[in-house]
N, C-alpha and C. Protein backbone atom coordinates (compact mmCIF):
# COMPACT_ATOMS: atom_id res chain seq x y z
N MET A 1 0.60 -1.59 0.37
CA MET A 1 0.29 -0.49 -0.05
C MET A 1 1.52 1.06 0.06
N GLY A 2 0.76 1.91 -1.28
CA GLY A 2 1.33 3.56 -0.94
C GLY A 2 0.81 4.03 -0.14
N TYR A 3 2.22 5.81 0.58
CA TYR A 3 1.20 6.27 1.90
C TYR A 3 0.24 7.15 1.43
N ARG A 4 -0.09 7.92 0.01
CA ARG A 4 -1.54 8.65 -0.29
C ARG A 4 -2.18 7.27 0.54
N TRP A 5 -2.70 6.21 -0.05
CA TRP A 5 -3.54 5.31 0.28
C TRP A 5 -3.73 4.55 1.95
N PHE A 6 -2.00 5.04 2.42
CA PHE A 6 -2.50 4.52 4.17
C PHE A 6 -3.19 5.99 4.99
N VAL A 7 -2.47 7.23 3.75
CA VAL A 7 -2.67 8.66 5.26
C VAL A 7 -4.74 8.09 4.37
N ARG A 8 -4.95 7.49 3.58
CA ARG A 8 -7.03 8.11 3.38
C ARG A 8 -7.29 6.90 4.29
N GLN A 9 -6.81 5.50 3.83
CA GLN A 9 -6.92 4.11 5.05
C GLN A 9 -7.57 4.57 6.18
N SER A 10 -6.57 4.89 7.47
CA SER A 10 -6.23 5.80 8.82
C SER A 10 -7.08 6.75 8.87
N ALA A 11 -6.73 8.22 7.95
CA ALA A 11 -7.57 9.26 8.33
C ALA A 11 -9.54 8.95 8.09
N GLN A 12 -9.74 7.81 7.56
CA GLN A 12 -10.92 7.83 6.29
C GLN A 12 -11.45 6.36 8.12
N SER A 13 -10.29 5.74 9.15
CA SER A 13 -10.82 4.70 10.14
C SER A 13 -11.06 5.91 11.38
N LEU A 14 -10.87 7.34 11.38
CA LEU A 14 -11.19 8.31 12.00
C LEU A 14 -11.96 8.58 12.11
N GLY A 15 -12.53 8.99 11.04
CA GLY A 15 -13.98 9.67 10.45
C GLY A 15 -13.72 11.35 9.65
N LEU A 16 -12.58 10.91 9.40
CA LEU A 16 -12.26 12.27 9.11
C LEU A 16 -12.45 12.81 7.59
N GLY A 17 -12.53 13.79 6.63
CA GLY A 17 -12.27 14.28 5.85
C GLY A 17 -11.64 15.38 4.98
N GLY A 18 -11.12 14.93 4.34
CA GLY A 18 -10.40 15.94 3.41
C GLY A 18 -9.31 15.71 2.08
N TRP A 19 -8.97 15.70 2.32
CA TRP A 19 -7.68 14.50 0.79
C TRP A 19 -6.23 14.63 0.93
N VAL A 20 -5.28 13.64 0.75
CA VAL A 20 -3.75 13.79 0.15
C VAL A 20 -3.77 13.67 -1.15
N ARG A 21 -2.48 14.53 -1.11
CA ARG A 21 -2.11 14.18 -2.75
C ARG A 21 -0.13 14.08 -3.50
N ASN A 22 0.03 13.72 -4.17
CA ASN A 22 1.63 14.16 -3.82
C ASN A 22 1.73 15.72 -4.86
N ARG A 23 3.57 15.94 -4.31
CA ARG A 23 3.63 17.51 -4.47
C ARG A 23 5.11 16.41 -5.66
N GLU A 24 5.27 17.63 -7.02
CA GLU A 24 5.48 17.28 -7.57
C GLU A 24 7.27 17.31 -7.15
N ASP A 25 7.36 17.99 -5.64
CA ASP A 25 8.97 17.73 -5.61
C ASP A 25 8.73 16.64 -4.34
N GLY A 26 7.96 15.60 -4.28
CA GLY A 26 8.77 14.34 -4.49
C GLY A 26 7.81 14.05 -2.65
N THR A 27 7.27 15.17 -2.44
CA THR A 27 6.14 15.05 -0.76
C THR A 27 4.79 15.20 -1.30
N VAL A 28 4.29 14.42 0.10
CA VAL A 28 2.83 13.97 -0.18
C VAL A 28 2.03 15.52 1.17
N GLU A 29 1.00 15.86 0.42
CA GLU A 29 0.08 16.90 0.99
C GLU A 29 -0.63 16.91 1.26
N ALA A 30 -1.23 16.94 2.37
CA ALA A 30 -2.40 16.72 2.89
C ALA A 30 -3.61 17.62 3.47
N GLU A 31 -4.65 17.84 2.94
CA GLU A 31 -5.98 18.90 3.67
C GLU A 31 -7.01 17.80 5.05
N VAL A 32 -7.01 17.79 6.22
CA VAL A 32 -7.52 17.36 7.29
C VAL A 32 -8.47 17.85 8.46
N GLU A 33 -9.89 17.41 7.97
CA GLU A 33 -10.54 17.84 8.99
C GLU A 33 -11.45 16.82 9.71
N GLY A 34 -11.28 17.79 11.30
CA GLY A 34 -12.17 17.54 12.44
C GLY A 34 -12.22 17.29 13.33
N SER A 35 -11.85 16.72 14.25
CA SER A 35 -12.06 16.76 15.61
C SER A 35 -10.27 16.63 15.88
N ALA A 36 -10.17 17.67 17.36
CA ALA A 36 -8.99 17.39 17.92
C ALA A 36 -8.30 16.19 17.70
N ALA A 37 -9.16 15.33 19.05
CA ALA A 37 -8.60 14.41 19.70
C ALA A 37 -8.25 12.98 17.81
N ALA A 38 -8.88 13.17 16.71
CA ALA A 38 -8.64 12.22 15.72
C ALA A 38 -7.83 12.91 15.10
N LEU A 39 -7.98 14.62 15.00
CA LEU A 39 -6.83 14.81 13.67
C LEU A 39 -5.29 14.35 14.84
N ASP A 40 -5.19 14.60 15.97
CA ASP A 40 -3.70 13.79 16.98
C ASP A 40 -2.96 12.91 16.56
N GLU A 41 -4.28 12.12 16.41
CA GLU A 41 -4.04 10.76 16.22
C GLU A 41 -3.71 10.06 15.07
N LEU A 42 -4.23 10.72 14.40
CA LEU A 42 -3.76 11.33 12.92
C LEU A 42 -2.51 11.54 12.21
N VAL A 43 -1.90 12.32 13.45
CA VAL A 43 -0.42 12.43 12.86
C VAL A 43 0.13 11.92 13.51
N ALA A 44 0.39 11.06 14.85
CA ALA A 44 0.65 9.65 15.33
C ALA A 44 0.43 9.24 14.26
N ARG A 45 0.03 8.36 13.62
CA ARG A 45 0.25 7.19 12.95
C ARG A 45 1.28 7.30 12.06
N LEU A 46 0.95 8.69 11.05
CA LEU A 46 1.11 9.17 10.25
C LEU A 46 2.75 9.35 10.35
N LYS A 47 2.92 9.74 11.34
CA LYS A 47 4.28 9.63 12.07
C LYS A 47 5.75 8.12 12.15
N ASP A 48 3.68 7.03 12.61
CA ASP A 48 4.89 5.98 12.39
C ASP A 48 5.05 5.84 11.20
N GLY A 49 4.09 6.00 10.27
CA GLY A 49 3.79 5.92 8.86
C GLY A 49 3.69 4.30 8.34
N ASN A 50 4.18 4.06 6.59
CA ASN A 50 3.85 2.80 6.31
C ASN A 50 5.18 2.35 5.95
N PRO A 51 5.36 0.81 7.18
CA PRO A 51 6.23 0.07 6.27
C PRO A 51 7.29 0.54 5.54
N ALA A 52 6.01 0.62 3.55
CA ALA A 52 6.41 1.10 2.47
C ALA A 52 6.69 2.30 1.92
N ALA A 53 6.87 3.27 3.88
CA ALA A 53 7.34 5.03 3.06
C ALA A 53 8.30 5.37 3.98
N ARG A 54 9.01 6.37 3.37
CA ARG A 54 9.86 6.99 4.34
C ARG A 54 9.56 8.39 4.58
N VAL A 55 8.71 8.40 6.16
CA VAL A 55 8.55 9.90 6.34
C VAL A 55 9.66 10.85 7.77
N ASP A 56 10.33 11.93 6.33
CA ASP A 56 12.18 12.17 7.27
C ASP A 56 11.19 13.62 8.44
N SER A 57 9.51 13.90 7.69
CA SER A 57 9.11 14.91 8.73
C SER A 57 7.63 15.28 8.18
N ILE A 58 7.08 16.16 9.42
CA ILE A 58 5.35 16.30 9.18
C ILE A 58 5.62 17.24 9.92
N GLU A 59 4.46 18.68 9.05
CA GLU A 59 4.55 19.85 9.04
C GLU A 59 3.04 19.60 9.11
N THR A 60 2.86 20.50 10.19
CA THR A 60 1.26 20.93 10.73
C THR A 60 1.13 22.37 10.30
N ARG A 61 -0.66 23.09 9.70
CA ARG A 61 -1.15 24.34 10.06
C ARG A 61 -2.64 24.10 9.94
N PRO A 62 -2.58 25.22 10.82
CA PRO A 62 -4.43 24.80 10.88
C PRO A 62 -5.00 25.67 9.55
N VAL A 63 -5.72 25.16 9.40
CA VAL A 63 -6.59 25.52 7.91
C VAL A 63 -8.39 26.24 7.96
N PRO A 64 -8.63 27.01 7.81
CA PRO A 64 -10.24 27.47 7.63
C PRO A 64 -10.68 25.64 7.14
N PRO A 65 -12.23 25.06 8.46
CA PRO A 65 -12.77 24.38 7.63
C PRO A 65 -13.59 24.35 5.95
N ARG A 66 -13.46 23.36 5.71
CA ARG A 66 -13.82 23.79 4.48
C ARG A 66 -15.88 22.47 3.87
N GLY A 67 -15.68 21.35 5.34
CA GLY A 67 -17.33 21.33 5.28
C GLY A 67 -16.41 19.65 5.08
N GLU A 68 -15.98 19.28 4.73
CA GLU A 68 -15.01 17.96 4.11
C GLU A 68 -15.85 17.03 4.57
N THR A 69 -16.45 15.87 3.57
CA THR A 69 -17.06 15.57 5.40
C THR A 69 -16.21 13.25 4.27
N GLY A 70 -16.39 13.82 3.50
CA GLY A 70 -15.27 12.30 3.04
C GLY A 70 -13.73 11.85 2.71
N PHE A 71 -13.00 11.15 2.25
CA PHE A 71 -11.45 10.79 2.20
C PHE A 71 -10.87 10.61 1.24
N ARG A 72 -10.75 11.84 0.10
CA ARG A 72 -9.88 11.47 -1.34
C ARG A 72 -8.20 11.96 -1.28
N ILE A 73 -8.55 10.61 -2.43
CA ILE A 73 -6.66 10.42 -3.02
C ILE A 73 -7.13 11.69 -4.64
N ALA A 74 -6.66 13.13 -3.57
CA ALA A 74 -6.52 14.13 -4.76
C ALA A 74 -5.19 13.75 -6.51
N VAL A 75 -5.93 14.65 -7.34
CA VAL A 75 -4.99 14.34 -8.20
C VAL A 75 -3.88 16.02 -7.69
């Protein structure tokens, strides 16, 4: 399973909404919304990462909610 799929599966299991995508520079970007506790848990899971991926760092910053209800892999 690729990292984007791992992010999507993790977010969905926590009831979070948003999206994840690859960036041209090889990094992965995501916008996620939901409860603070679920967001904290997602960040913890992403730091542990998917065994098939290397996670060097995770940066977080708040963004305004958009009312996302599902979680998708964006292009």
